[in-house]
Full PDB file with SEQRES, HELIX, SHEET, SSBOND, CRYST1, ORIGX, SCALE, CONECT and MASTER records, all heavy atoms in Angstrom:
SEQRES   1 A   35  SER GLU ASN LEU GLY PRO GLU GLY ASN TRP ASN LYS ALA          
SEQRES   2 A   35  ILE SER SER VAL ARG GLY ARG PHE VAL LYS LEU VAL CYS          
SEQRES   3 A   35  GLY ASP ASP ILE LEU TYR PRO THR CYS                          
HELIX    1 AA1 GLY A    5  ALA A   13  1                                   9    
CRYST1    1.000    1.000    1.000  90.00  90.00  90.00 P 1           1          
ORIGX1      1.000000  0.000000  0.000000        0.00000                         
ORIGX2      0.000000  1.000000  0.000000        0.00000                         
ORIGX3      0.000000  0.000000  1.000000        0.00000                         
SCALE1      1.000000  0.000000  0.000000        0.00000                         
SCALE2      0.000000  1.000000  0.000000        0.00000                         
SCALE3      0.000000  0.000000  1.000000        0.00000                         
ATOM      1  N   SER A   1       5.230  14.815  -3.484  1.00  0.00           N  
ATOM      2  CA  SER A   1       5.287  16.190  -3.982  1.00  0.00           C  
ATOM      3  C   SER A   1       4.998  16.243  -5.473  1.00  0.00           C  
ATOM      4  O   SER A   1       4.671  17.300  -6.001  1.00  0.00           O  
ATOM      5  CB  SER A   1       6.668  16.788  -3.720  1.00  0.00           C  
ATOM      6  OG  SER A   1       7.696  15.977  -4.340  1.00  0.00           O  
ATOM      7  N   GLU A   2       5.088  15.093  -6.103  1.00  0.00           N  
ATOM      8  CA  GLU A   2       4.737  14.977  -7.553  1.00  0.00           C  
ATOM      9  C   GLU A   2       4.123  13.615  -7.773  1.00  0.00           C  
ATOM     10  O   GLU A   2       4.323  12.693  -6.965  1.00  0.00           O  
ATOM     11  CB  GLU A   2       5.916  15.199  -8.453  1.00  0.00           C  
ATOM     12  CG  GLU A   2       7.038  14.214  -8.219  1.00  0.00           C  
ATOM     13  CD  GLU A   2       8.254  14.460  -9.111  1.00  0.00           C  
ATOM     14  OE1 GLU A   2       8.227  15.438  -9.880  1.00  0.00           O  
ATOM     15  OE2 GLU A   2       9.197  13.636  -9.071  1.00  0.00           O  
ATOM     16  N   ASN A   3       3.317  13.504  -8.836  1.00  0.00           N  
ATOM     17  CA  ASN A   3       2.702  12.237  -9.134  1.00  0.00           C  
ATOM     18  C   ASN A   3       3.718  11.228  -9.658  1.00  0.00           C  
ATOM     19  O   ASN A   3       4.360  11.455 -10.649  1.00  0.00           O  
ATOM     20  CB  ASN A   3       1.576  12.473 -10.169  1.00  0.00           C  
ATOM     21  CG  ASN A   3       0.808  11.192 -10.430  1.00  0.00           C  
ATOM     22  OD1 ASN A   3       1.140  10.445 -11.370  1.00  0.00           O  
ATOM     23  ND2 ASN A   3      -0.222  10.921  -9.654  1.00  0.00           N  
ATOM     24  N   LEU A   4       3.812  10.079  -8.978  1.00  0.00           N  
ATOM     25  CA  LEU A   4       4.757   9.031  -9.368  1.00  0.00           C  
ATOM     26  C   LEU A   4       4.151   7.934 -10.263  1.00  0.00           C  
ATOM     27  O   LEU A   4       4.880   7.161 -10.888  1.00  0.00           O  
ATOM     28  CB  LEU A   4       5.307   8.344  -8.098  1.00  0.00           C  
ATOM     29  CG  LEU A   4       5.952   9.239  -7.048  1.00  0.00           C  
ATOM     30  CD1 LEU A   4       6.424   8.413  -5.841  1.00  0.00           C  
ATOM     31  CD2 LEU A   4       7.160   9.997  -7.704  1.00  0.00           C  
ATOM     32  N   GLY A   5       2.804   7.924 -10.346  1.00  0.00           N  
ATOM     33  CA  GLY A   5       2.188   6.848 -11.072  1.00  0.00           C  
ATOM     34  C   GLY A   5       2.041   5.596 -10.213  1.00  0.00           C  
ATOM     35  O   GLY A   5       2.703   5.475  -9.144  1.00  0.00           O  
ATOM     36  N   PRO A   6       1.245   4.639 -10.629  1.00  0.00           N  
ATOM     37  CA  PRO A   6       1.006   3.450  -9.774  1.00  0.00           C  
ATOM     38  C   PRO A   6       2.272   2.681  -9.422  1.00  0.00           C  
ATOM     39  O   PRO A   6       2.483   2.362  -8.239  1.00  0.00           O  
ATOM     40  CB  PRO A   6       0.072   2.578 -10.694  1.00  0.00           C  
ATOM     41  CG  PRO A   6      -0.629   3.613 -11.521  1.00  0.00           C  
ATOM     42  CD  PRO A   6       0.379   4.677 -11.788  1.00  0.00           C  
ATOM     43  N   GLU A   7       3.148   2.369 -10.406  1.00  0.00           N  
ATOM     44  CA  GLU A   7       4.342   1.603 -10.077  1.00  0.00           C  
ATOM     45  C   GLU A   7       5.195   2.321  -9.045  1.00  0.00           C  
ATOM     46  O   GLU A   7       5.635   1.716  -8.014  1.00  0.00           O  
ATOM     47  CB  GLU A   7       5.157   1.379 -11.331  1.00  0.00           C  
ATOM     48  CG  GLU A   7       6.448   0.564 -11.104  1.00  0.00           C  
ATOM     49  CD  GLU A   7       7.228   0.357 -12.391  1.00  0.00           C  
ATOM     50  OE1 GLU A   7       6.936   0.930 -13.418  1.00  0.00           O  
ATOM     51  OE2 GLU A   7       8.175  -0.481 -12.332  1.00  0.00           O  
ATOM     52  N   GLY A   8       5.462   3.626  -9.200  1.00  0.00           N  
ATOM     53  CA  GLY A   8       6.292   4.347  -8.311  1.00  0.00           C  
ATOM     54  C   GLY A   8       5.662   4.513  -6.925  1.00  0.00           C  
ATOM     55  O   GLY A   8       6.314   4.327  -5.890  1.00  0.00           O  
ATOM     56  N   ASN A   9       4.354   4.752  -6.889  1.00  0.00           N  
ATOM     57  CA  ASN A   9       3.704   4.951  -5.566  1.00  0.00           C  
ATOM     58  C   ASN A   9       3.531   3.600  -4.839  1.00  0.00           C  
ATOM     59  O   ASN A   9       3.638   3.581  -3.621  1.00  0.00           O  
ATOM     60  CB  ASN A   9       2.343   5.613  -5.788  1.00  0.00           C  
ATOM     61  CG  ASN A   9       1.842   6.263  -4.473  1.00  0.00           C  
ATOM     62  OD1 ASN A   9       2.608   6.797  -3.671  1.00  0.00           O  
ATOM     63  ND2 ASN A   9       0.542   6.194  -4.249  1.00  0.00           N  
ATOM     64  N   TRP A  10       3.226   2.532  -5.561  1.00  0.00           N  
ATOM     65  CA  TRP A  10       3.091   1.232  -4.892  1.00  0.00           C  
ATOM     66  C   TRP A  10       4.464   0.807  -4.282  1.00  0.00           C  
ATOM     67  O   TRP A  10       4.474   0.286  -3.152  1.00  0.00           O  
ATOM     68  CB  TRP A  10       2.653   0.163  -5.874  1.00  0.00           C  
ATOM     69  CG  TRP A  10       1.168   0.298  -6.279  1.00  0.00           C  
ATOM     70  CD1 TRP A  10       0.411   1.433  -6.305  1.00  0.00           C  
ATOM     71  CD2 TRP A  10       0.345  -0.751  -6.771  1.00  0.00           C  
ATOM     72  NE1 TRP A  10      -0.872   1.165  -6.744  1.00  0.00           N  
ATOM     73  CE2 TRP A  10      -0.895  -0.160  -7.049  1.00  0.00           C  
ATOM     74  CE3 TRP A  10       0.534  -2.118  -6.961  1.00  0.00           C  
ATOM     75  CZ2 TRP A  10      -1.998  -0.933  -7.532  1.00  0.00           C  
ATOM     76  CZ3 TRP A  10      -0.501  -2.857  -7.432  1.00  0.00           C  
ATOM     77  CH2 TRP A  10      -1.765  -2.300  -7.748  1.00  0.00           C  
ATOM     78  N   ASN A  11       5.530   1.043  -4.976  1.00  0.00           N  
ATOM     79  CA  ASN A  11       6.866   0.675  -4.450  1.00  0.00           C  
ATOM     80  C   ASN A  11       7.200   1.573  -3.303  1.00  0.00           C  
ATOM     81  O   ASN A  11       7.810   1.121  -2.286  1.00  0.00           O  
ATOM     82  CB  ASN A  11       7.900   0.746  -5.545  1.00  0.00           C  
ATOM     83  CG  ASN A  11       7.891  -0.533  -6.406  1.00  0.00           C  
ATOM     84  OD1 ASN A  11       7.826  -1.620  -5.941  1.00  0.00           O  
ATOM     85  ND2 ASN A  11       7.893  -0.295  -7.723  1.00  0.00           N  
ATOM     86  N   LYS A  12       6.856   2.833  -3.347  1.00  0.00           N  
ATOM     87  CA  LYS A  12       7.104   3.727  -2.249  1.00  0.00           C  
ATOM     88  C   LYS A  12       6.275   3.268  -1.043  1.00  0.00           C  
ATOM     89  O   LYS A  12       6.738   3.336   0.125  1.00  0.00           O  
ATOM     90  CB  LYS A  12       6.723   5.174  -2.623  1.00  0.00           C  
ATOM     91  CG  LYS A  12       7.147   6.193  -1.537  1.00  0.00           C  
ATOM     92  CD  LYS A  12       6.925   7.611  -1.988  1.00  0.00           C  
ATOM     93  CE  LYS A  12       7.342   8.615  -0.938  1.00  0.00           C  
ATOM     94  NZ  LYS A  12       7.175   9.999  -1.391  1.00  0.00           N  
ATOM     95  N   ALA A  13       5.079   2.764  -1.280  1.00  0.00           N  
ATOM     96  CA  ALA A  13       4.185   2.379  -0.235  1.00  0.00           C  
ATOM     97  C   ALA A  13       4.703   1.188   0.597  1.00  0.00           C  
ATOM     98  O   ALA A  13       4.312   0.944   1.756  1.00  0.00           O  
ATOM     99  CB  ALA A  13       2.794   2.051  -0.780  1.00  0.00           C  
ATOM    100  N   ILE A  14       5.564   0.366  -0.038  1.00  0.00           N  
ATOM    101  CA  ILE A  14       6.123  -0.778   0.681  1.00  0.00           C  
ATOM    102  C   ILE A  14       7.588  -0.553   1.048  1.00  0.00           C  
ATOM    103  O   ILE A  14       8.253  -1.512   1.529  1.00  0.00           O  
ATOM    104  CB  ILE A  14       5.989  -2.063  -0.124  1.00  0.00           C  
ATOM    105  CG1 ILE A  14       6.725  -1.987  -1.450  1.00  0.00           C  
ATOM    106  CG2 ILE A  14       4.528  -2.444  -0.349  1.00  0.00           C  
ATOM    107  CD1 ILE A  14       6.778  -3.293  -2.247  1.00  0.00           C  
ATOM    108  N   SER A  15       8.067   0.652   0.928  1.00  0.00           N  
ATOM    109  CA  SER A  15       9.501   0.919   1.164  1.00  0.00           C  
ATOM    110  C   SER A  15       9.889   1.108   2.583  1.00  0.00           C  
ATOM    111  O   SER A  15      11.047   0.905   2.938  1.00  0.00           O  
ATOM    112  CB  SER A  15       9.914   2.125   0.323  1.00  0.00           C  
ATOM    113  OG  SER A  15       9.258   3.320   0.819  1.00  0.00           O  
ATOM    114  N   SER A  16       8.930   1.485   3.474  1.00  0.00           N  
ATOM    115  CA  SER A  16       9.326   1.808   4.841  1.00  0.00           C  
ATOM    116  C   SER A  16       8.378   1.110   5.822  1.00  0.00           C  
ATOM    117  O   SER A  16       7.928   1.730   6.828  1.00  0.00           O  
ATOM    118  CB  SER A  16       9.251   3.331   5.057  1.00  0.00           C  
ATOM    119  OG  SER A  16      10.159   3.994   4.217  1.00  0.00           O  
ATOM    120  N   VAL A  17       8.073  -0.126   5.589  1.00  0.00           N  
ATOM    121  CA  VAL A  17       7.165  -0.849   6.464  1.00  0.00           C  
ATOM    122  C   VAL A  17       7.906  -1.309   7.702  1.00  0.00           C  
ATOM    123  O   VAL A  17       9.115  -1.615   7.643  1.00  0.00           O  
ATOM    124  CB  VAL A  17       6.524  -2.077   5.732  1.00  0.00           C  
ATOM    125  CG1 VAL A  17       5.792  -1.586   4.475  1.00  0.00           C  
ATOM    126  CG2 VAL A  17       7.578  -3.121   5.391  1.00  0.00           C  
ATOM    127  N   ARG A  18       7.198  -1.361   8.846  1.00  0.00           N  
ATOM    128  CA  ARG A  18       7.767  -1.842  10.045  1.00  0.00           C  
ATOM    129  C   ARG A  18       7.209  -3.199  10.479  1.00  0.00           C  
ATOM    130  O   ARG A  18       7.744  -3.900  11.331  1.00  0.00           O  
ATOM    131  CB  ARG A  18       7.611  -0.836  11.180  1.00  0.00           C  
ATOM    132  CG  ARG A  18       8.345   0.474  10.931  1.00  0.00           C  
ATOM    133  CD  ARG A  18       8.342   1.308  12.199  1.00  0.00           C  
ATOM    134  NE  ARG A  18       6.976   1.631  12.660  1.00  0.00           N  
ATOM    135  CZ  ARG A  18       6.584   1.536  13.930  1.00  0.00           C  
ATOM    136  NH1 ARG A  18       7.390   1.165  14.865  1.00  0.00           N  
ATOM    137  NH2 ARG A  18       5.325   1.888  14.214  1.00  0.00           N  
ATOM    138  N   GLY A  19       6.137  -3.592   9.912  1.00  0.00           N  
ATOM    139  CA  GLY A  19       5.438  -4.844  10.283  1.00  0.00           C  
ATOM    140  C   GLY A  19       6.183  -6.062   9.816  1.00  0.00           C  
ATOM    141  O   GLY A  19       6.939  -6.034   8.803  1.00  0.00           O  
ATOM    142  N   ARG A  20       5.954  -7.162  10.476  1.00  0.00           N  
ATOM    143  CA  ARG A  20       6.492  -8.467  10.058  1.00  0.00           C  
ATOM    144  C   ARG A  20       5.791  -8.974   8.815  1.00  0.00           C  
ATOM    145  O   ARG A  20       6.390  -9.659   7.970  1.00  0.00           O  
ATOM    146  CB  ARG A  20       6.336  -9.450  11.197  1.00  0.00           C  
ATOM    147  CG  ARG A  20       6.814 -10.869  10.866  1.00  0.00           C  
ATOM    148  CD  ARG A  20       6.654 -11.763  12.115  1.00  0.00           C  
ATOM    149  NE  ARG A  20       6.837 -13.162  11.791  1.00  0.00           N  
ATOM    150  CZ  ARG A  20       6.587 -14.182  12.587  1.00  0.00           C  
ATOM    151  NH1 ARG A  20       6.151 -13.937  13.833  1.00  0.00           N  
ATOM    152  NH2 ARG A  20       6.783 -15.419  12.232  1.00  0.00           N  
ATOM    153  N   PHE A  21       4.524  -8.572   8.690  1.00  0.00           N  
ATOM    154  CA  PHE A  21       3.740  -8.932   7.530  1.00  0.00           C  
ATOM    155  C   PHE A  21       3.173  -7.639   6.896  1.00  0.00           C  
ATOM    156  O   PHE A  21       2.932  -6.663   7.576  1.00  0.00           O  
ATOM    157  CB  PHE A  21       2.605  -9.897   7.882  1.00  0.00           C  
ATOM    158  CG  PHE A  21       3.029 -11.161   8.609  1.00  0.00           C  
ATOM    159  CD1 PHE A  21       2.808 -11.321   9.946  1.00  0.00           C  
ATOM    160  CD2 PHE A  21       3.744 -12.132   7.886  1.00  0.00           C  
ATOM    161  CE1 PHE A  21       3.271 -12.480  10.597  1.00  0.00           C  
ATOM    162  CE2 PHE A  21       4.195 -13.286   8.546  1.00  0.00           C  
ATOM    163  CZ  PHE A  21       3.939 -13.445   9.894  1.00  0.00           C  
ATOM    164  N   VAL A  22       2.928  -7.772   5.565  1.00  0.00           N  
ATOM    165  CA  VAL A  22       2.489  -6.556   4.783  1.00  0.00           C  
ATOM    166  C   VAL A  22       1.291  -6.853   3.973  1.00  0.00           C  
ATOM    167  O   VAL A  22       1.137  -7.898   3.363  1.00  0.00           O  
ATOM    168  CB  VAL A  22       3.661  -6.097   3.899  1.00  0.00           C  
ATOM    169  CG1 VAL A  22       3.270  -4.836   3.130  1.00  0.00           C  
ATOM    170  CG2 VAL A  22       4.927  -5.869   4.689  1.00  0.00           C  
ATOM    171  N   LYS A  23       0.369  -5.900   3.911  1.00  0.00           N  
ATOM    172  CA  LYS A  23      -0.774  -5.973   3.020  1.00  0.00           C  
ATOM    173  C   LYS A  23      -0.925  -4.636   2.328  1.00  0.00           C  
ATOM    174  O   LYS A  23      -0.966  -3.584   3.001  1.00  0.00           O  
ATOM    175  CB  LYS A  23      -2.075  -6.285   3.773  1.00  0.00           C  
ATOM    176  CG  LYS A  23      -3.318  -6.256   2.909  1.00  0.00           C  
ATOM    177  CD  LYS A  23      -4.572  -6.572   3.680  1.00  0.00           C  
ATOM    178  CE  LYS A  23      -4.743  -8.067   3.879  1.00  0.00           C  
ATOM    179  NZ  LYS A  23      -5.010  -8.791   2.611  1.00  0.00           N  
ATOM    180  N   LEU A  24      -0.997  -4.648   1.009  1.00  0.00           N  
ATOM    181  CA  LEU A  24      -1.224  -3.450   0.236  1.00  0.00           C  
ATOM    182  C   LEU A  24      -2.708  -3.437  -0.184  1.00  0.00           C  
ATOM    183  O   LEU A  24      -3.226  -4.431  -0.736  1.00  0.00           O  
ATOM    184  CB  LEU A  24      -0.365  -3.380  -1.008  1.00  0.00           C  
ATOM    185  CG  LEU A  24      -0.401  -2.119  -1.851  1.00  0.00           C  
ATOM    186  CD1 LEU A  24       0.997  -1.773  -2.405  1.00  0.00           C  
ATOM    187  CD2 LEU A  24      -1.395  -2.269  -3.014  1.00  0.00           C  
ATOM    188  N   VAL A  25      -3.364  -2.306   0.073  1.00  0.00           N  
ATOM    189  CA  VAL A  25      -4.790  -2.182  -0.200  1.00  0.00           C  
ATOM    190  C   VAL A  25      -4.972  -0.947  -1.120  1.00  0.00           C  
ATOM    191  O   VAL A  25      -4.577   0.147  -0.750  1.00  0.00           O  
ATOM    192  CB  VAL A  25      -5.622  -2.011   1.076  1.00  0.00           C  
ATOM    193  CG1 VAL A  25      -7.098  -1.835   0.747  1.00  0.00           C  
ATOM    194  CG2 VAL A  25      -5.450  -3.179   2.010  1.00  0.00           C  
ATOM    195  N   CYS A  26      -5.537  -1.137  -2.286  1.00  0.00           N  
ATOM    196  CA  CYS A  26      -5.817  -0.003  -3.175  1.00  0.00           C  
ATOM    197  C   CYS A  26      -6.883   0.899  -2.573  1.00  0.00           C  
ATOM    198  O   CYS A  26      -7.669   0.471  -1.770  1.00  0.00           O  
ATOM    199  CB  CYS A  26      -6.232  -0.472  -4.576  1.00  0.00           C  
ATOM    200  SG  CYS A  26      -4.855  -1.315  -5.428  1.00  0.00           S  
ATOM    201  N   GLY A  27      -6.899   2.163  -2.957  1.00  0.00           N  
ATOM    202  CA  GLY A  27      -7.690   3.148  -2.306  1.00  0.00           C  
ATOM    203  C   GLY A  27      -9.174   3.100  -2.550  1.00  0.00           C  
ATOM    204  O   GLY A  27      -9.917   4.000  -2.116  1.00  0.00           O  
ATOM    205  N   ASP A  28      -9.648   2.063  -3.178  1.00  0.00           N  
ATOM    206  CA  ASP A  28     -11.113   1.903  -3.363  1.00  0.00           C  
ATOM    207  C   ASP A  28     -11.563   0.515  -2.931  1.00  0.00           C  
ATOM    208  O   ASP A  28     -12.772   0.166  -3.060  1.00  0.00           O  
ATOM    209  CB  ASP A  28     -11.530   2.148  -4.803  1.00  0.00           C  
ATOM    210  CG  ASP A  28     -10.754   1.343  -5.810  1.00  0.00           C  
ATOM    211  OD1 ASP A  28      -9.841   0.587  -5.448  1.00  0.00           O  
ATOM    212  OD2 ASP A  28     -11.064   1.458  -7.025  1.00  0.00           O  
ATOM    213  N   ASP A  29     -10.705  -0.298  -2.368  1.00  0.00           N  
ATOM    214  CA  ASP A  29     -11.048  -1.673  -1.934  1.00  0.00           C  
ATOM    215  C   ASP A  29     -11.397  -1.717  -0.462  1.00  0.00           C  
ATOM    216  O   ASP A  29     -11.212  -0.765   0.268  1.00  0.00           O  
ATOM    217  CB  ASP A  29      -9.933  -2.621  -2.334  1.00  0.00           C  
ATOM    218  CG  ASP A  29      -9.744  -2.775  -3.844  1.00  0.00           C  
ATOM    219  OD1 ASP A  29     -10.729  -2.501  -4.592  1.00  0.00           O  
ATOM    220  OD2 ASP A  29      -8.641  -3.187  -4.250  1.00  0.00           O  
ATOM    221  N   ILE A  30     -11.879  -2.879  -0.008  1.00  0.00           N  
ATOM    222  CA  ILE A  30     -12.424  -3.034   1.327  1.00  0.00           C  
ATOM    223  C   ILE A  30     -11.853  -4.301   2.001  1.00  0.00           C  
ATOM    224  O   ILE A  30     -11.750  -5.335   1.381  1.00  0.00           O  
ATOM    225  CB  ILE A  30     -13.934  -3.151   1.276  1.00  0.00           C  
ATOM    226  CG1 ILE A  30     -14.544  -1.929   0.653  1.00  0.00           C  
ATOM    227  CG2 ILE A  30     -14.516  -3.376   2.700  1.00  0.00           C  
ATOM    228  CD1 ILE A  30     -14.394  -0.653   1.406  1.00  0.00           C  
ATOM    229  N   LEU A  31     -11.468  -4.179   3.286  1.00  0.00           N  
ATOM    230  CA  LEU A  31     -11.141  -5.322   4.084  1.00  0.00           C  
ATOM    231  C   LEU A  31     -12.376  -5.678   4.940  1.00  0.00           C  
ATOM    232  O   LEU A  31     -12.964  -4.793   5.600  1.00  0.00           O  
ATOM    233  CB  LEU A  31      -9.968  -5.105   5.015  1.00  0.00           C  
ATOM    234  CG  LEU A  31      -8.612  -4.752   4.404  1.00  0.00           C  
ATOM    235  CD1 LEU A  31      -7.548  -4.686   5.493  1.00  0.00           C  
ATOM    236  CD2 LEU A  31      -8.258  -5.748   3.316  1.00  0.00           C  
ATOM    237  N   TYR A  32     -12.779  -6.946   5.000  1.00  0.00           N  
ATOM    238  CA  TYR A  32     -13.822  -7.348   5.906  1.00  0.00           C  
ATOM    239  C   TYR A  32     -13.208  -7.545   7.328  1.00  0.00           C  
ATOM    240  O   TYR A  32     -11.978  -7.705   7.450  1.00  0.00           O  
ATOM    241  CB  TYR A  32     -14.463  -8.666   5.421  1.00  0.00           C  
ATOM    242  CG  TYR A  32     -15.232  -8.468   4.121  1.00  0.00           C  
ATOM    243  CD1 TYR A  32     -15.465  -9.579   3.264  1.00  0.00           C  
ATOM    244  CD2 TYR A  32     -15.759  -7.233   3.766  1.00  0.00           C  
ATOM    245  CE1 TYR A  32     -16.147  -9.428   2.090  1.00  0.00           C  
ATOM    246  CE2 TYR A  32     -16.467  -7.068   2.575  1.00  0.00           C  
ATOM    247  CZ  TYR A  32     -16.680  -8.181   1.734  1.00  0.00           C  
ATOM    248  OH  TYR A  32     -17.338  -8.021   0.568  1.00  0.00           O  
ATOM    249  N   PRO A  33     -14.015  -7.396   8.354  1.00  0.00           N  
ATOM    250  CA  PRO A  33     -13.485  -7.256   9.719  1.00  0.00           C  
ATOM    251  C   PRO A  33     -12.478  -8.271  10.223  1.00  0.00           C  
ATOM    252  O   PRO A  33     -11.594  -7.956  11.010  1.00  0.00           O  
ATOM    253  CB  PRO A  33     -14.761  -7.262  10.596  1.00  0.00           C  
ATOM    254  CG  PRO A  33     -15.792  -6.703   9.687  1.00  0.00           C  
ATOM    255  CD  PRO A  33     -15.496  -7.265   8.329  1.00  0.00           C  
ATOM    256  N   THR A  34     -12.557  -9.513   9.787  1.00  0.00           N  
ATOM    257  CA  THR A  34     -11.665 -10.550  10.263  1.00  0.00           C  
ATOM    258  C   THR A  34     -10.506 -10.866   9.288  1.00  0.00           C  
ATOM    259  O   THR A  34      -9.830 -11.870   9.472  1.00  0.00           O  
ATOM    260  CB  THR A  34     -12.422 -11.833  10.556  1.00  0.00           C  
ATOM    261  OG1 THR A  34     -13.051 -12.336   9.373  1.00  0.00           O  
ATOM    262  CG2 THR A  34     -13.481 -11.603  11.665  1.00  0.00           C  
ATOM    263  N   CYS A  35     -10.324 -10.056   8.278  1.00  0.00           N  
ATOM    264  CA  CYS A  35      -9.309 -10.366   7.238  1.00  0.00           C  
ATOM    265  C   CYS A  35      -7.925 -10.473   7.834  1.00  0.00           C  
ATOM    266  O   CYS A  35      -7.267 -11.533   7.653  1.00  0.00           O  
ATOM    267  CB  CYS A  35      -9.303  -9.250   6.181  1.00  0.00           C  
ATOM    268  SG  CYS A  35      -8.150  -9.546   4.825  1.00  0.00           S  
TER     269      CYS A  35                                                      
MASTER        0    0    0    1    0    0    0    6  268    1    0    3          
END                                                                             
């Protein structure tokens, strides 16, 4: 609802994960198919 800045948004982005493993990808980067 408001801009948190990179630190706030990155921490929010990992706050409610359900996976056993986690990968954070910035909004301009790319994963190759077998990553």
